[in-house]
Amino acid sequence: MKSSPLIQSIEIKPVSFPLKNPFVTAAGHKTRTDNVQIFLRLSDGTRGVAEASSSIAMPGESQENMQRALKEMIPELWGKPIEDYKTLVELCWRLQPFHPTAAAAMECAILDAFARTKKQPLAHLLGQKSVTIETDFTLSVDEPDRLHKAARAASRKGFRKLKVKLAGDSPEKDAERLKAVHKAAPRAELVADGNQGLALSQAVQLAHLLNRAQIRPLFLEQPFRRHDVRSMKLFRHRSRLPLLADESILTASDALRLFEAGAADGVNIKVAKSGLLGALDIIRIAQRFKKRLAIGCMEESKLGLAASVHLACGTGVFEWVDLDSVFLLEQPALRGGFAVKGPKFSVNGIRSGIGIA
């Protein structure tokens, strides 16, 4: 019986990408993303690649902190057999429980390498339900007239799903932002993202204003602070607008606690905060409670985003796909990973792993 290839080396490389436009949310703004890429090599020459992304939503995951966390994992992973990938993934999360983005990125590199040794696309390893998905396009916080122009431009490029970032300055102003987007792209499906920036009274008033204007977003995402379960529960009692959790759910236990409390209608899963195997656990919990599922991203380049695209295709469970970072960053052209045609991504034809050399 052929022995499993061993992890022989792991290279950590900091990279930075300017954003095409400033990215503005209720939590802050940024004009570039400072990420860390991982290049793992096995004893038989097989590679695994991944990327950890910094994010406004996770200020502790700076490029410096992610590099430090990743480097601390390397001695513990060196020489281990890739066939035992589940144990390796558990080790990553045990070593760096307070740096989920770093742990998730190392997990992605491990699973990419494992899938390559099996000569399977990562999407196949994760379920093989589909080979294509359609992403939304995210509109940062801005004035209504500029949002109108941006929404019209996105619609002309074929985007049929738009996520609108809320400022939390006032319900009336946020409602005007959504009205401007709806007017520019009346056929587009909309999602409103509060990024933990709204008070309960603001969110309830916003839902009322949107209902009166006959604008019906599919859901309102994470309007309250991540631990504010009380406001989440009260909002669901006071409004018919579905509420999705994002930062409130990092693990399957978070999902179980929130759904048992009746605090959310669904969850936006991100590989960068939960990992691939953790995401599968959250999906199972959400399906048990018959909750809605969305998938999102940070500011990953195509190299980093590929694992999330494979997860979305492999599972085929996501009602809403928000994997648009490749449209937001200025980045060098990169072949493989997934094909891009307008808002549609495809992993068709990828032979092994995430498909990036």
Protein backbone atom coordinates (compact mmCIF):
# COMPACT_ATOMS: atom_id res chain seq x y z
CA MET A 1 0.00 0.00 0.00
CA LYS A 2 1.37 3.38 -1.04
CA SER A 3 2.16 5.64 1.93
CA SER A 4 0.59 9.10 2.21
CA PRO A 5 2.69 12.08 1.09
CA LEU A 6 3.99 14.17 3.98
CA ILE A 7 3.93 17.93 4.42
CA GLN A 8 7.45 18.94 3.45
CA SER A 9 7.36 22.74 3.43
CA ILE A 10 5.00 25.69 3.96
CA GLU A 11 5.81 29.14 2.61
CA ILE A 12 4.03 32.25 3.92
CA LYS A 13 3.94 35.29 1.62
CA PRO A 14 2.40 38.70 2.48
CA VAL A 15 0.60 40.36 -0.44
CA SER A 16 -1.36 43.60 -0.81
CA PHE A 17 -3.97 44.55 -3.39
CA PRO A 18 -5.46 48.02 -3.94
CA LEU A 19 -9.23 48.19 -4.22
CA LYS A 20 -10.76 49.60 -7.37
CA ASN A 21 -12.92 51.86 -5.21
CA PRO A 22 -12.92 52.56 -1.47
CA PHE A 23 -14.81 49.83 0.41
CA VAL A 24 -17.07 51.50 2.95
CA THR A 25 -19.34 49.88 5.54
CA ALA A 26 -20.90 50.88 8.85
CA ALA A 27 -17.80 49.41 10.51
CA GLY A 28 -15.19 51.44 8.61
CA HIS A 29 -13.51 51.82 5.25
CA LYS A 30 -10.41 50.65 3.38
CA THR A 31 -8.68 51.34 0.09
CA ARG A 32 -6.52 48.23 -0.05
CA THR A 33 -6.40 44.76 1.44
CA ASP A 34 -3.33 43.29 3.11
CA ASN A 35 -3.46 39.51 2.83
CA VAL A 36 -1.20 36.49 3.35
CA GLN A 37 -0.81 33.66 0.82
CA ILE A 38 0.17 30.10 1.72
CA PHE A 39 2.12 27.70 -0.49
CA LEU A 40 2.26 24.19 0.93
CA ARG A 41 4.33 21.40 -0.65
CA LEU A 42 4.16 17.65 -0.04
CA SER A 43 6.96 15.10 -0.22
CA ASP A 44 5.72 13.91 -3.65
CA GLY A 45 5.77 17.47 -5.07
CA THR A 46 2.03 18.10 -4.76
CA ARG A 47 1.13 21.65 -3.79
CA GLY A 48 -1.67 23.30 -1.86
CA VAL A 49 -2.38 27.02 -1.98
CA ALA A 50 -4.63 29.40 -0.04
CA GLU A 51 -4.94 32.98 1.13
CA ALA A 52 -5.89 34.68 4.40
CA SER A 53 -7.58 38.06 3.98
CA SER A 54 -7.65 41.02 6.31
CA SER A 55 -11.10 42.50 6.87
CA ILE A 56 -12.82 45.48 8.46
CA ALA A 57 -15.14 43.00 10.19
CA MET A 58 -12.23 41.22 11.91
CA PRO A 59 -9.77 43.96 12.97
CA GLY A 60 -7.64 41.52 14.96
CA GLU A 61 -6.74 39.68 11.76
CA SER A 62 -4.13 42.14 10.52
CA GLN A 63 -1.55 41.01 8.00
CA GLU A 64 1.09 40.95 10.75
CA ASN A 65 -1.08 38.92 13.12
CA MET A 66 -2.07 36.44 10.42
CA GLN A 67 1.57 35.92 9.40
CA ARG A 68 2.56 35.30 13.01
CA ALA A 69 -0.29 32.83 13.56
CA LEU A 70 0.46 30.94 10.35
CA LYS A 71 4.18 30.69 11.08
CA GLU A 72 3.44 29.27 14.54
CA MET A 73 1.50 26.42 12.93
CA ILE A 74 4.26 25.32 10.57
CA PRO A 75 6.46 23.31 13.02
CA GLU A 76 3.40 21.38 14.21
CA LEU A 77 2.32 20.49 10.65
CA TRP A 78 5.72 19.66 9.18
CA GLY A 79 6.21 15.98 8.40
CA LYS A 80 2.56 15.04 8.94
CA PRO A 81 0.73 12.82 6.38
CA ILE A 82 -1.77 14.72 4.22
CA GLU A 83 -4.09 11.69 4.25
CA ASP A 84 -4.90 12.58 7.84
CA TYR A 85 -6.24 15.99 6.75
CA LYS A 86 -9.09 16.07 9.30
CA THR A 87 -6.64 15.73 12.19
CA LEU A 88 -4.42 18.40 10.61
CA VAL A 89 -7.36 20.77 10.31
CA GLU A 90 -8.34 20.17 13.95
CA LEU A 91 -4.74 20.90 14.91
CA CYS A 92 -4.77 24.25 13.07
CA TRP A 93 -7.88 25.41 14.90
CA ARG A 94 -6.59 24.16 18.24
CA LEU A 95 -3.31 26.02 17.76
CA GLN A 96 -4.91 29.30 16.63
CA PRO A 97 -8.46 29.55 18.03
CA PHE A 98 -8.24 33.34 18.22
CA HIS A 99 -7.08 33.77 14.62
CA PRO A 100 -9.83 32.06 12.60
CA THR A 101 -8.83 33.64 9.29
CA ALA A 102 -5.31 32.25 9.59
CA ALA A 103 -6.54 28.82 10.71
CA ALA A 104 -9.10 28.73 7.90
CA ALA A 105 -6.50 29.63 5.28
CA MET A 106 -4.12 26.89 6.43
CA GLU A 107 -7.07 24.47 6.37
CA CYS A 108 -7.80 25.48 2.76
CA ALA A 109 -4.19 24.84 1.74
CA ILE A 110 -4.31 21.41 3.41
CA LEU A 111 -7.58 20.42 1.71
CA ASP A 112 -6.36 21.74 -1.64
CA ALA A 113 -3.27 19.54 -1.36
CA PHE A 114 -5.30 16.53 -0.23
CA ALA A 115 -7.77 16.90 -3.12
CA ARG A 116 -4.84 17.10 -5.55
CA THR A 117 -3.38 13.86 -4.21
CA LYS A 118 -6.77 12.24 -4.90
CA LYS A 119 -6.89 13.87 -8.35
CA GLN A 120 -10.28 15.34 -7.49
CA PRO A 121 -11.52 18.94 -7.71
CA LEU A 122 -12.14 20.39 -4.27
CA ALA A 123 -15.81 20.87 -5.24
CA HIS A 124 -16.04 17.10 -5.76
CA LEU A 125 -14.57 16.45 -2.32
CA LEU A 126 -17.15 18.85 -0.83
CA GLY A 127 -20.20 17.27 -2.46
CA GLN A 128 -20.10 17.77 -6.23
CA LYS A 129 -23.66 19.16 -6.39
CA SER A 130 -22.96 21.76 -9.08
CA VAL A 131 -20.21 23.29 -11.19
CA THR A 132 -21.63 26.83 -11.50
CA ILE A 133 -22.83 29.60 -9.17
CA GLU A 134 -23.98 33.19 -9.64
CA THR A 135 -22.62 35.89 -7.35
CA ASP A 136 -24.05 39.22 -6.32
CA PHE A 137 -22.25 42.56 -6.51
CA THR A 138 -21.66 44.62 -3.36
CA LEU A 139 -22.32 48.36 -3.26
CA SER A 140 -20.42 50.22 -0.53
CA VAL A 141 -21.95 52.95 1.60
CA ASP A 142 -22.40 56.07 -0.53
CA GLU A 143 -24.79 58.86 -1.41
CA PRO A 144 -28.02 57.78 -3.17
CA ASP A 145 -27.15 59.40 -6.51
CA ARG A 146 -23.81 57.59 -6.70
CA LEU A 147 -25.41 54.33 -5.60
CA HIS A 148 -27.94 54.76 -8.40
CA LYS A 149 -25.13 55.03 -10.94
CA ALA A 150 -23.21 52.12 -9.46
CA ALA A 151 -26.29 49.89 -9.41
CA ARG A 152 -27.12 50.75 -13.01
CA ALA A 153 -23.54 49.96 -14.07
CA ALA A 154 -23.61 46.61 -12.26
CA SER A 155 -26.97 45.76 -13.81
CA ARG A 156 -25.62 46.48 -17.28
CA LYS A 157 -22.78 44.05 -16.60
CA GLY A 158 -25.30 41.30 -15.93
CA PHE A 159 -25.53 41.36 -12.13
CA ARG A 160 -29.03 40.39 -11.01
CA LYS A 161 -28.28 40.35 -7.27
CA LEU A 162 -27.04 43.41 -5.37
CA LYS A 163 -25.91 43.74 -1.77
CA VAL A 164 -26.25 47.27 -0.36
CA LYS A 165 -24.08 48.30 2.58
CA LEU A 166 -25.90 50.40 5.17
CA ALA A 167 -24.32 53.31 7.03
CA GLY A 168 -26.47 53.22 10.16
CA ASP A 169 -26.55 57.05 10.19
CA SER A 170 -30.35 57.11 10.07
CA PRO A 171 -33.14 54.78 8.88
CA GLU A 172 -34.33 57.44 6.45
CA LYS A 173 -30.92 57.81 4.79
CA ASP A 174 -30.38 54.04 4.57
CA ALA A 175 -33.87 53.68 3.08
CA GLU A 176 -32.99 56.32 0.47
CA ARG A 177 -29.89 54.33 -0.44
CA LEU A 178 -31.95 51.20 -1.05
CA LYS A 179 -34.59 53.14 -2.94
CA ALA A 180 -31.90 54.56 -5.26
CA VAL A 181 -30.53 51.09 -5.98
CA HIS A 182 -34.01 49.65 -6.55
CA LYS A 183 -34.86 52.49 -8.95
CA ALA A 184 -31.66 51.88 -10.93
CA ALA A 185 -32.08 48.10 -11.04
CA PRO A 186 -35.78 47.35 -10.37
CA ARG A 187 -35.49 43.68 -11.34
CA ALA A 188 -32.47 42.96 -9.19
CA GLU A 189 -32.78 41.01 -5.96
CA LEU A 190 -31.53 43.07 -3.02
CA VAL A 191 -29.89 42.35 0.31
CA ALA A 192 -29.20 45.01 2.95
CA ASP A 193 -26.09 44.58 5.10
CA GLY A 194 -25.91 46.43 8.42
CA ASN A 195 -22.38 45.29 9.38
CA GLN A 196 -23.27 45.53 13.11
CA GLY A 197 -23.95 49.25 12.76
CA LEU A 198 -27.65 49.65 13.62
CA ALA A 199 -29.62 49.96 16.83
CA LEU A 200 -32.81 47.93 17.23
CA SER A 201 -35.06 50.98 16.77
CA GLN A 202 -33.17 51.95 13.59
CA ALA A 203 -33.52 48.49 12.08
CA VAL A 204 -37.23 48.28 12.85
CA GLN A 205 -37.83 51.74 11.41
CA LEU A 206 -35.81 50.89 8.29
CA ALA A 207 -37.87 47.75 7.73
CA HIS A 208 -41.05 49.84 8.08
CA LEU A 209 -39.83 52.45 5.58
CA LEU A 210 -38.84 49.80 3.04
CA ASN A 211 -42.17 48.02 3.41
CA ARG A 212 -44.02 51.31 2.88
CA ALA A 213 -41.93 51.93 -0.26
CA GLN A 214 -42.68 48.37 -1.44
CA ILE A 215 -39.00 47.48 -1.47
CA ARG A 216 -38.51 43.97 -0.15
CA PRO A 217 -34.89 42.86 0.36
CA LEU A 218 -34.44 39.11 0.66
CA PHE A 219 -33.00 39.73 4.11
CA LEU A 220 -31.26 42.16 6.42
CA GLU A 221 -27.79 40.92 7.33
CA GLN A 222 -26.19 41.37 10.76
CA PRO A 223 -27.58 44.79 11.71
CA PHE A 224 -26.63 44.40 15.41
CA ARG A 225 -23.45 43.70 17.33
CA ARG A 226 -22.52 40.04 17.11
CA HIS A 227 -23.37 39.20 20.73
CA ASP A 228 -26.64 41.17 20.80
CA VAL A 229 -28.97 38.18 20.66
CA ARG A 230 -31.72 40.11 22.42
CA SER A 231 -31.99 42.70 19.62
CA MET A 232 -31.97 39.95 17.01
CA LYS A 233 -34.86 38.17 18.71
CA LEU A 234 -36.86 41.37 19.20
CA PHE A 235 -36.34 42.45 15.59
CA ARG A 236 -37.75 39.15 14.35
CA HIS A 237 -40.86 39.73 16.48
CA ARG A 238 -41.29 43.34 15.32
CA SER A 239 -40.55 42.97 11.60
CA ARG A 240 -41.29 40.61 8.75
CA LEU A 241 -37.93 41.34 7.11
CA PRO A 242 -35.83 38.14 7.43
CA LEU A 243 -32.69 38.49 9.56
CA LEU A 244 -29.44 36.74 8.64
CA ALA A 245 -26.54 36.34 11.04
CA ASP A 246 -22.97 36.87 9.86
CA GLU A 247 -20.43 37.78 12.52
CA SER A 248 -22.68 36.20 15.18
CA ILE A 249 -21.96 32.74 13.78
CA LEU A 250 -18.39 31.52 13.47
CA THR A 251 -18.90 27.91 14.53
CA ALA A 252 -21.56 25.21 14.47
CA SER A 253 -22.10 25.75 18.22
CA ASP A 254 -22.78 29.44 17.53
CA ALA A 255 -25.35 28.45 14.92
CA LEU A 256 -27.02 25.97 17.25
CA ARG A 257 -27.21 28.51 20.07
CA LEU A 258 -28.63 31.26 17.85
CA PHE A 259 -31.18 29.10 16.07
CA GLU A 260 -32.36 27.51 19.33
CA ALA A 261 -32.85 31.04 20.69
CA GLY A 262 -34.98 31.99 17.67
CA ALA A 263 -32.60 34.86 16.90
CA ALA A 264 -32.01 34.48 13.14
CA ASP A 265 -33.66 33.29 9.94
CA GLY A 266 -30.39 32.08 8.48
CA VAL A 267 -26.64 32.50 8.29
CA ASN A 268 -24.05 33.98 5.97
CA ILE A 269 -21.20 31.47 6.02
CA LYS A 270 -17.66 32.59 5.28
CA VAL A 271 -14.72 30.23 4.88
CA ALA A 272 -12.48 32.95 6.33
CA LYS A 273 -14.22 32.80 9.71
CA SER A 274 -15.33 29.14 9.87
CA GLY A 275 -13.09 27.10 7.55
CA LEU A 276 -14.31 24.53 5.03
CA LEU A 277 -15.11 21.67 7.39
CA GLY A 278 -16.61 24.08 9.91
CA ALA A 279 -18.79 25.49 7.14
CA LEU A 280 -20.10 22.00 6.42
CA ASP A 281 -21.00 21.63 10.11
CA ILE A 282 -22.85 24.97 10.10
CA ILE A 283 -24.73 23.95 6.95
CA ARG A 284 -25.93 20.77 8.67
CA ILE A 285 -27.18 22.75 11.68
CA ALA A 286 -28.96 25.30 9.46
CA GLN A 287 -30.63 22.58 7.44
CA ARG A 288 -31.79 20.85 10.63
CA PHE A 289 -33.52 24.08 11.68
CA LYS A 290 -34.71 24.80 8.09
CA LYS A 291 -32.77 28.07 8.00
CA ARG A 292 -31.66 30.07 4.96
CA LEU A 293 -28.08 29.85 3.75
CA ALA A 294 -25.81 32.46 2.18
CA ILE A 295 -22.08 32.42 1.54
CA GLY A 296 -19.80 35.44 1.65
CA CYS A 297 -16.15 36.42 1.46
CA MET A 298 -13.64 38.91 2.80
CA GLU A 299 -11.31 40.70 0.36
CA GLU A 300 -9.57 37.64 -1.08
CA SER A 301 -7.90 37.63 -4.47
CA LYS A 302 -8.89 34.94 -6.94
CA LEU A 303 -6.39 32.58 -5.31
CA GLY A 304 -8.05 33.00 -1.94
CA LEU A 305 -11.62 33.07 -3.22
CA ALA A 306 -11.34 29.77 -5.11
CA ALA A 307 -11.93 27.61 -2.02
CA SER A 308 -15.21 29.42 -1.32
CA VAL A 309 -16.32 29.01 -4.94
CA HIS A 310 -15.60 25.29 -4.72
CA LEU A 311 -17.54 25.10 -1.43
CA ALA A 312 -20.55 26.85 -2.96
CA CYS A 313 -20.48 24.61 -6.04
CA GLY A 314 -19.75 21.45 -4.08
CA THR A 315 -22.59 21.84 -1.59
CA GLY A 316 -25.12 23.52 -3.89
CA VAL A 317 -27.07 24.80 -0.87
CA PHE A 318 -26.69 28.57 -0.93
CA GLU A 319 -29.66 30.78 -1.73
CA TRP A 320 -27.45 33.87 -1.85
CA VAL A 321 -23.84 33.93 -3.07
CA ASP A 322 -21.70 36.95 -2.18
CA LEU A 323 -18.31 35.98 -3.61
CA ASP A 324 -17.55 39.16 -5.54
CA SER A 325 -14.13 40.16 -4.18
CA VAL A 326 -12.51 39.41 -7.56
CA PHE A 327 -14.49 42.37 -8.95
CA LEU A 328 -13.46 44.71 -6.14
CA LEU A 329 -9.67 44.27 -6.16
CA GLU A 330 -6.95 45.38 -8.54
CA GLN A 331 -5.01 42.13 -8.87
CA PRO A 332 -2.75 40.39 -11.39
CA ALA A 333 -4.43 38.03 -13.83
CA LEU A 334 -4.50 34.48 -12.51
CA ARG A 335 -5.42 31.39 -14.50
CA GLY A 336 -7.40 28.56 -12.99
CA GLY A 337 -9.42 28.23 -9.81
CA PHE A 338 -12.71 29.02 -11.54
CA ALA A 339 -13.86 30.59 -14.78
CA VAL A 340 -15.58 33.98 -14.66
CA LYS A 341 -18.29 35.06 -17.09
CA GLY A 342 -20.11 38.13 -15.82
CA PRO A 343 -21.58 37.23 -12.40
CA LYS A 344 -21.31 33.49 -13.06
CA PHE A 345 -18.43 31.33 -11.84
CA SER A 346 -17.68 27.80 -13.00
CA VAL A 347 -15.35 25.08 -11.73
CA ASN A 348 -16.10 22.88 -14.73
CA GLY A 349 -12.96 21.30 -16.15
CA ILE A 350 -10.83 21.61 -13.02
CA ARG A 351 -9.03 18.31 -12.54
CA SER A 352 -7.74 18.52 -8.98
CA GLY A 353 -7.84 20.76 -5.91
CA ILE A 354 -8.87 24.33 -6.49
CA GLY A 355 -7.21 24.28 -9.90
CA ILE A 356 -4.62 27.01 -9.32
CA ALA A 357 -1.03 26.01 -10.05
